[in-house]
C-alpha atoms as a PDB file:
ATOM      1  CA  MET A   1      25.833  33.709 127.933  1.00  0.00           C
ATOM      2  CA  MET A   2      28.172  34.749 130.412  1.00  0.00           C
ATOM      3  CA  LYS A   3      31.293  33.034 128.613  1.00  0.00           C
ATOM      4  CA  ASN A   4      30.303  35.515 125.578  1.00  0.00           C
ATOM      5  CA  LYS A   5      29.655  38.778 128.067  1.00  0.00           C
ATOM      6  CA  ARG A   6      32.951  38.477 129.561  1.00  0.00           C
ATOM      7  CA  PHE A   7      34.979  37.412 126.117  1.00  0.00           C
ATOM      8  CA  LEU A   8      33.231  41.257 125.090  1.00  0.00           C
ATOM      9  CA  ILE A   9      34.497  42.881 128.062  1.00  0.00           C
ATOM     10  CA  LEU A  10      37.600  41.428 127.114  1.00  0.00           C
ATOM     11  CA  PHE A  11      37.763  42.389 123.193  1.00  0.00           C
ATOM     12  CA  LEU A  12      36.895  46.063 124.576  1.00  0.00           C
ATOM     13  CA  ILE A  13      39.259  46.298 126.995  1.00  0.00           C
ATOM     14  CA  LEU A  14      41.928  45.378 124.890  1.00  0.00           C
ATOM     15  CA  ALA A  15      40.574  47.433 122.352  1.00  0.00           C
ATOM     16  CA  PHE A  16      40.878  50.761 124.679  1.00  0.00           C
ATOM     17  CA  VAL A  17      44.277  49.942 125.577  1.00  0.00           C
ATOM     18  CA  LEU A  18      45.342  49.484 122.157  1.00  0.00           C
ATOM     19  CA  PHE A  19      43.845  52.509 121.085  1.00  0.00           C
ATOM     20  CA  SER A  20      45.231  54.356 123.921  1.00  0.00           C
ATOM     21  CA  ALA A  21      48.954  53.178 123.198  1.00  0.00           C
ATOM     22  CA  ILE A  22      48.756  54.212 119.197  1.00  0.00           C
ATOM     23  CA  GLY A  23      47.758  57.274 120.109  1.00  0.00           C
ATOM     24  CA  CYS A  24      50.338  57.760 122.352  1.00  0.00           C
ATOM     25  CA  SER A  25      52.552  57.002 120.308  1.00  0.00           C
ATOM     26  CA  ASN A  26      51.388  59.321 117.697  1.00  0.00           C
ATOM     27  CA  VAL A  27      51.735  61.873 119.970  1.00  0.00           C
ATOM     28  CA  VAL A  28      55.683  60.888 120.735  1.00  0.00           C
ATOM     29  CA  VAL A  29      56.128  60.950 116.863  1.00  0.00           C
ATOM     30  CA  GLU A  30      54.534  64.477 116.895  1.00  0.00           C
ATOM     31  CA  GLN A  31      56.595  65.366 119.748  1.00  0.00           C
ATOM     32  CA  LYS A  32      60.058  64.435 118.008  1.00  0.00           C
ATOM     33  CA  ILE A  33      59.206  65.699 114.795  1.00  0.00           C
ATOM     34  CA  SER A  34      58.391  69.145 116.693  1.00  0.00           C
ATOM     35  CA  ASP A  35      61.858  68.797 118.416  1.00  0.00           C
ATOM     36  CA  GLN A  36      63.331  67.974 115.198  1.00  0.00           C
ATOM     37  CA  SER A  37      62.260  70.810 113.268  1.00  0.00           C
ATOM     38  CA  GLU A  38      62.653  72.811 116.368  1.00  0.00           C
ATOM     39  CA  ILE A  39      66.228  71.913 116.156  1.00  0.00           C
ATOM     40  CA  SER A  40      66.798  72.485 112.461  1.00  0.00           C
ATOM     41  CA  ASP A  41      65.785  75.625 112.585  1.00  0.00           C
ATOM     42  CA  LYS A  42      67.632  76.615 115.746  1.00  0.00           C
ATOM     43  CA  VAL A  43      70.579  75.085 113.509  1.00  0.00           C
ATOM     44  CA  THR A  44      69.719  77.370 110.183  1.00  0.00           C
ATOM     45  CA  GLU A  45      69.501  80.516 112.171  1.00  0.00           C
ATOM     46  CA  GLU A  46      73.066  79.426 113.894  1.00  0.00           C
ATOM     47  CA  VAL A  47      74.512  79.204 110.438  1.00  0.00           C
ATOM     48  CA  GLY A  48      72.854  82.292 109.247  1.00  0.00           C
ATOM     49  CA  GLU A  49      74.537  83.992 111.716  1.00  0.00           C
ATOM     50  CA  GLU A  50      77.855  82.235 111.259  1.00  0.00           C
ATOM     51  CA  LYS A  51      78.034  83.343 107.812  1.00  0.00           C
ATOM     52  CA  GLU A  52      76.522  87.183 108.140  1.00  0.00           C
ATOM     53  CA  ALA A  53      79.087  87.474 110.968  1.00  0.00           C
ATOM     54  CA  VAL A  54      81.894  86.248 108.280  1.00  0.00           C
ATOM     55  CA  HIS A  55      80.569  88.239 105.641  1.00  0.00           C
ATOM     56  CA  THR A  56      80.641  91.537 107.969  1.00  0.00           C
ATOM     57  CA  SER A  57      83.781  90.443 108.636  1.00  0.00           C
ATOM     58  CA  LYS A  58      85.412  90.628 105.644  1.00  0.00           C
ATOM     59  CA  GLU A  59      84.191  93.577 104.580  1.00  0.00           C
ATOM     60  CA  ASP A  60      85.482  94.873 107.453  1.00  0.00           C
ATOM     61  CA  GLU A  61      89.027  93.468 106.146  1.00  0.00           C
ATOM     62  CA  LEU A  62      88.302  95.170 102.896  1.00  0.00           C
ATOM     63  CA  PRO A  63      91.637  97.558 102.072  1.00  0.00           C
ATOM     64  CA  PRO A  64      90.580 101.056 102.090  1.00  0.00           C
ATOM     65  CA  ILE A  65      91.319 100.859  98.025  1.00  0.00           C
ATOM     66  CA  ILE A  66      88.442  99.032  97.264  1.00  0.00           C
ATOM     67  CA  GLU A  67      86.213 102.537  98.887  1.00  0.00           C
ATOM     68  CA  LYS A  68      87.905 104.723  95.830  1.00  0.00           C
ATOM     69  CA  GLU A  69      87.066 105.616  92.798  1.00  0.00           C
ATOM     70  CA  ASP A  70      89.532 103.872  90.702  1.00  0.00           C
ATOM     71  CA  LYS A  71      91.012 107.474  89.177  1.00  0.00           C
ATOM     72  CA  ASP A  72      91.526 107.995  92.403  1.00  0.00           C
ATOM     73  CA  ILE A  73      94.179 105.314  93.696  1.00  0.00           C
ATOM     74  CA  THR A  74      97.150 106.044  93.592  1.00  0.00           C
ATOM     75  CA  ILE A  75     100.694 103.726  94.018  1.00  0.00           C
ATOM     76  CA  GLU A  76     100.274 103.935  97.661  1.00  0.00           C
ATOM     77  CA  ASP A  77      96.798 102.624  98.110  1.00  0.00           C
ATOM     78  CA  LEU A  78      97.878  99.736  96.106  1.00  0.00           C
ATOM     79  CA  VAL A  79     100.933  99.175  98.485  1.00  0.00           C
ATOM     80  CA  LYS A  80      98.405  98.694 101.096  1.00  0.00           C
ATOM     81  CA  ALA A  81      96.087  96.708  99.670  1.00  0.00           C
ATOM     82  CA  GLU A  82      99.453  94.538  99.016  1.00  0.00           C
ATOM     83  CA  ILE A  83      98.442  94.259  95.163  1.00  0.00           C
ATOM     84  CA  LEU A  84     102.237  95.613  94.496  1.00  0.00           C
ATOM     85  CA  PHE A  85     105.042  95.966  96.687  1.00  0.00           C
ATOM     86  CA  GLU A  86     108.281  98.734  96.829  1.00  0.00           C
ATOM     87  CA  VAL A  87     112.015  97.497  95.571  1.00  0.00           C
ATOM     88  CA  LYS A  88     114.147  99.146  97.618  1.00  0.00           C
ATOM     89  CA  LYS A  89     118.112  98.958  97.409  1.00  0.00           C
ATOM     90  CA  ASP A  90     120.317 100.491 100.134  1.00  0.00           C
ATOM     91  CA  GLY A  91     117.304 101.937 101.436  1.00  0.00           C
ATOM     92  CA  GLU A  92     115.974 103.883  98.166  1.00  0.00           C
ATOM     93  CA  LEU A  93     112.901 103.418  96.930  1.00  0.00           C
ATOM     94  CA  LYS A  94     113.670 101.672  92.981  1.00  0.00           C
ATOM     95  CA  GLY A  95     110.021 100.991  91.861  1.00  0.00           C
ATOM     96  CA  TRP A  96     107.921  98.644  92.576  1.00  0.00           C
ATOM     97  CA  LYS A  97     106.716  94.594  91.675  1.00  0.00           C
ATOM     98  CA  SER A  98     103.353  93.056  90.984  1.00  0.00           C
ATOM     99  CA  LYS A  99     102.689  89.621  92.844  1.00  0.00           C
ATOM    100  CA  GLY A 100     103.635  87.752  89.389  1.00  0.00           C
ATOM    101  CA  ASP A 101     107.210  89.487  89.919  1.00  0.00           C
ATOM    102  CA  VAL A 102     106.594  92.063  87.608  1.00  0.00           C
ATOM    103  CA  PHE A 103     108.945  95.491  87.812  1.00  0.00           C
ATOM    104  CA  TYR A 104     107.359  98.962  87.436  1.00  0.00           C
ATOM    105  CA  GLY A 105     110.743 101.577  87.635  1.00  0.00           C
ATOM    106  CA  PHE A 106     110.697 105.159  87.407  1.00  0.00           C
ATOM    107  CA  GLY A 107     110.960 106.771  83.926  1.00  0.00           C
ATOM    108  CA  SER A 108     108.006 107.894  81.222  1.00  0.00           C
ATOM    109  CA  LYS A 109     106.491 111.382  80.885  1.00  0.00           C
ATOM    110  CA  GLU A 110     104.294 110.231  84.222  1.00  0.00           C
ATOM    111  CA  GLY A 111     107.434 109.807  86.429  1.00  0.00           C
ATOM    112  CA  THR A 112     106.621 105.898  86.686  1.00  0.00           C
ATOM    113  CA  ARG A 113     105.952 102.752  84.608  1.00  0.00           C
ATOM    114  CA  ILE A 114     103.057 101.918  86.387  1.00  0.00           C
ATOM    115  CA  GLU A 115     101.378 105.571  86.148  1.00  0.00           C
ATOM    116  CA  HIS A 116     102.248 105.113  82.535  1.00  0.00           C
ATOM    117  CA  VAL A 117     100.404 102.150  81.808  1.00  0.00           C
ATOM    118  CA  PHE A 118      97.874 103.537  83.507  1.00  0.00           C
ATOM    119  CA  GLN A 119      97.150 106.042  80.757  1.00  0.00           C
ATOM    120  CA  HIS A 120      95.906 103.345  78.663  1.00  0.00           C
ATOM    121  CA  LEU A 121      92.726 103.182  81.185  1.00  0.00           C
ATOM    122  CA  ILE A 122      91.548 106.993  79.891  1.00  0.00           C
ATOM    123  CA  PRO A 123      91.253 108.506  76.899  1.00  0.00           C
ATOM    124  CA  ARG A 124      93.624 110.601  75.180  1.00  0.00           C
ATOM    125  CA  PRO A 125      92.171 112.825  72.490  1.00  0.00           C
ATOM    126  CA  ASP A 126      95.826 114.035  72.276  1.00  0.00           C
ATOM    127  CA  LYS A 127      96.895 110.549  70.514  1.00  0.00           C
ATOM    128  CA  PRO A 128      94.640 109.438  67.610  1.00  0.00           C
ATOM    129  CA  LYS A 129      96.254 106.051  68.087  1.00  0.00           C
ATOM    130  CA  HIS A 130      95.865 105.687  72.018  1.00  0.00           C
ATOM    131  CA  SER A 131      94.312 101.765  73.229  1.00  0.00           C
ATOM    132  CA  MET A 132      92.719 101.596  76.538  1.00  0.00           C
ATOM    133  CA  PHE A 133      92.245  98.760  78.037  1.00  0.00           C
ATOM    134  CA  ASP A 134      88.803  97.199  79.091  1.00  0.00           C
ATOM    135  CA  THR A 135      89.227  96.911  83.502  1.00  0.00           C
ATOM    136  CA  ASN A 136      90.625  99.244  86.087  1.00  0.00           C
ATOM    137  CA  LYS A 137      93.643  99.976  87.846  1.00  0.00           C
ATOM    138  CA  VAL A 138      93.406  96.980  90.214  1.00  0.00           C
ATOM    139  CA  GLY A 139      92.500  94.593  87.198  1.00  0.00           C
ATOM    140  CA  LEU A 140      95.112  96.100  84.960  1.00  0.00           C
ATOM    141  CA  ILE A 141      97.807  94.804  87.235  1.00  0.00           C
ATOM    142  CA  ASN A 142      96.711  91.508  87.295  1.00  0.00           C
ATOM    143  CA  LEU A 143      96.530  91.473  83.560  1.00  0.00           C
ATOM    144  CA  ILE A 144      99.728  92.576  82.365  1.00  0.00           C
ATOM    145  CA  ASP A 145     100.790  89.467  85.754  1.00  0.00           C
ATOM    146  CA  GLU A 146      99.029  87.252  83.493  1.00  0.00           C
ATOM    147  CA  ALA A 147     100.424  88.185  79.970  1.00  0.00           C
ATOM    148  CA  PHE A 148     103.833  88.338  81.092  1.00  0.00           C
ATOM    149  CA  GLU A 149     103.663  84.481  82.347  1.00  0.00           C
ATOM    150  CA  ASN A 150     102.142  83.551  79.555  1.00  0.00           C
ATOM    151  CA  LYS A 151     104.700  85.627  77.058  1.00  0.00           C
ATOM    152  CA  ASP A 152     106.409  83.472  74.291  1.00  0.00           C
ATOM    153  CA  TYR A 153     110.274  84.424  73.833  1.00  0.00           C
ATOM    154  CA  GLY A 154     110.414  83.034  70.893  1.00  0.00           C
ATOM    155  CA  LYS A 155     107.758  84.913  69.321  1.00  0.00           C
ATOM    156  CA  SER A 156     109.222  88.289  70.721  1.00  0.00           C
ATOM    157  CA  LYS A 157     111.115  91.154  68.964  1.00  0.00           C
ATOM    158  CA  LEU A 158     113.985  92.496  69.697  1.00  0.00           C
ATOM    159  CA  GLN A 159     114.279  96.682  68.895  1.00  0.00           C
ATOM    160  CA  ASN A 160     117.414  98.439  68.777  1.00  0.00           C
ATOM    161  CA  ASN A 161     117.070 100.443  71.513  1.00  0.00           C
ATOM    162  CA  GLY A 162     117.203  96.957  73.436  1.00  0.00           C
ATOM    163  CA  TYR A 163     113.574  96.492  74.518  1.00  0.00           C
ATOM    164  CA  ARG A 164     111.743  93.650  73.390  1.00  0.00           C
ATOM    165  CA  VAL A 165     108.136  93.922  72.485  1.00  0.00           C
ATOM    166  CA  TYR A 166     105.738  90.700  73.399  1.00  0.00           C
ATOM    167  CA  ASP A 167     102.588  90.170  71.641  1.00  0.00           C
ATOM    168  CA  ILE A 168      99.995  88.066  73.987  1.00  0.00           C
ATOM    169  CA  GLU A 169      96.546  86.470  72.955  1.00  0.00           C
ATOM    170  CA  MET A 170      94.824  86.767  75.532  1.00  0.00           C
ATOM    171  CA  ASN A 171      91.629  84.542  73.976  1.00  0.00           C
ATOM    172  CA  ARG A 172      88.804  87.042  75.116  1.00  0.00           C
ATOM    173  CA  VAL A 173      88.218  90.775  74.875  1.00  0.00           C
ATOM    174  CA  ILE A 174      90.424  93.307  77.160  1.00  0.00           C
ATOM    175  CA  GLY A 175      89.873  96.326  75.300  1.00  0.00           C
ATOM    176  CA  THR A 176      87.143  98.890  74.689  1.00  0.00           C
ATOM    177  CA  ASP A 177      87.740  98.037  70.661  1.00  0.00           C
ATOM    178  CA  GLY A 178      87.604  94.881  71.056  1.00  0.00           C
ATOM    179  CA  GLU A 179      91.118  93.934  71.163  1.00  0.00           C
ATOM    180  CA  THR A 180      92.060  90.441  72.607  1.00  0.00           C
ATOM    181  CA  LYS A 181      95.487  90.883  72.886  1.00  0.00           C
ATOM    182  CA  ILE A 182      97.807  92.826  74.889  1.00  0.00           C
ATOM    183  CA  ARG A 183     101.679  94.352  73.957  1.00  0.00           C
ATOM    184  CA  LEU A 184     104.392  94.213  76.694  1.00  0.00           C
ATOM    185  CA  VAL A 185     107.549  96.213  75.981  1.00  0.00           C
ATOM    186  CA  VAL A 186     109.878  95.051  78.455  1.00  0.00           C
ATOM    187  CA  ARG A 187     114.033  95.638  79.304  1.00  0.00           C
ATOM    188  CA  ASP A 188     115.450  92.814  77.459  1.00  0.00           C
ATOM    189  CA  LYS A 189     115.997  89.829  79.419  1.00  0.00           C
ATOM    190  CA  SER A 190     114.105  91.212  82.153  1.00  0.00           C
ATOM    191  CA  ASN A 191     110.987  91.683  84.154  1.00  0.00           C
ATOM    192  CA  SER A 192     110.924  95.315  84.033  1.00  0.00           C
ATOM    193  CA  ILE A 193     108.031  96.880  82.244  1.00  0.00           C
ATOM    194  CA  ILE A 194     108.420  99.747  79.889  1.00  0.00           C
ATOM    195  CA  THR A 195     104.781  99.901  78.578  1.00  0.00           C
ATOM    196  CA  ALA A 196     101.794  97.822  78.132  1.00  0.00           C
ATOM    197  CA  TYR A 197      98.671  98.375  76.192  1.00  0.00           C
ATOM    198  CA  PRO A 198      95.559  96.371  74.501  1.00  0.00           C
ATOM    199  CA  ARG A 199      95.986  95.592  70.424  1.00  0.00           C
ATOM    200  CA  LYS A 200      94.204  93.688  67.892  1.00  0.00           C
END
């Protein structure tokens, strides 16, 4: 009988120790999970703050051209934004080049070829056959760069005035009347633009 009581007491002590150990283990696990959750939340918060900081800095670095209405954007704005680059000879301004190496010189009624091309961004009621690009000034410069890069000399036509005409299929709508082609008129054997406009 005494043996049984001792055995029972020993069993109860072991059971108490075992349950206490399990309880402590759960506390440690819960503490670790809580700590990991706090670390995760902190990392997420720091990453969020870093992204916000990067976003803010990018906004601060946006060129002034972005803050203007398209109609108010000047050639000087495009140069400041490094969309166009001045071309000079002996210190004299001869024109502007795009990133795609397309040259816009002086000429036409608007004074420059770039301003002449920009006329195809606005309605011209005085010109019944006037076609318009479905983009803005920066987009048009990039579009002409793309077209110039994809032009096919073998499919071009040389006019009597020495200008070469390219009709380039862009495989997407680029004009306000559903046009998908762009016509480039350039000085023969050069990258000098005379005009550009959308056509079907």
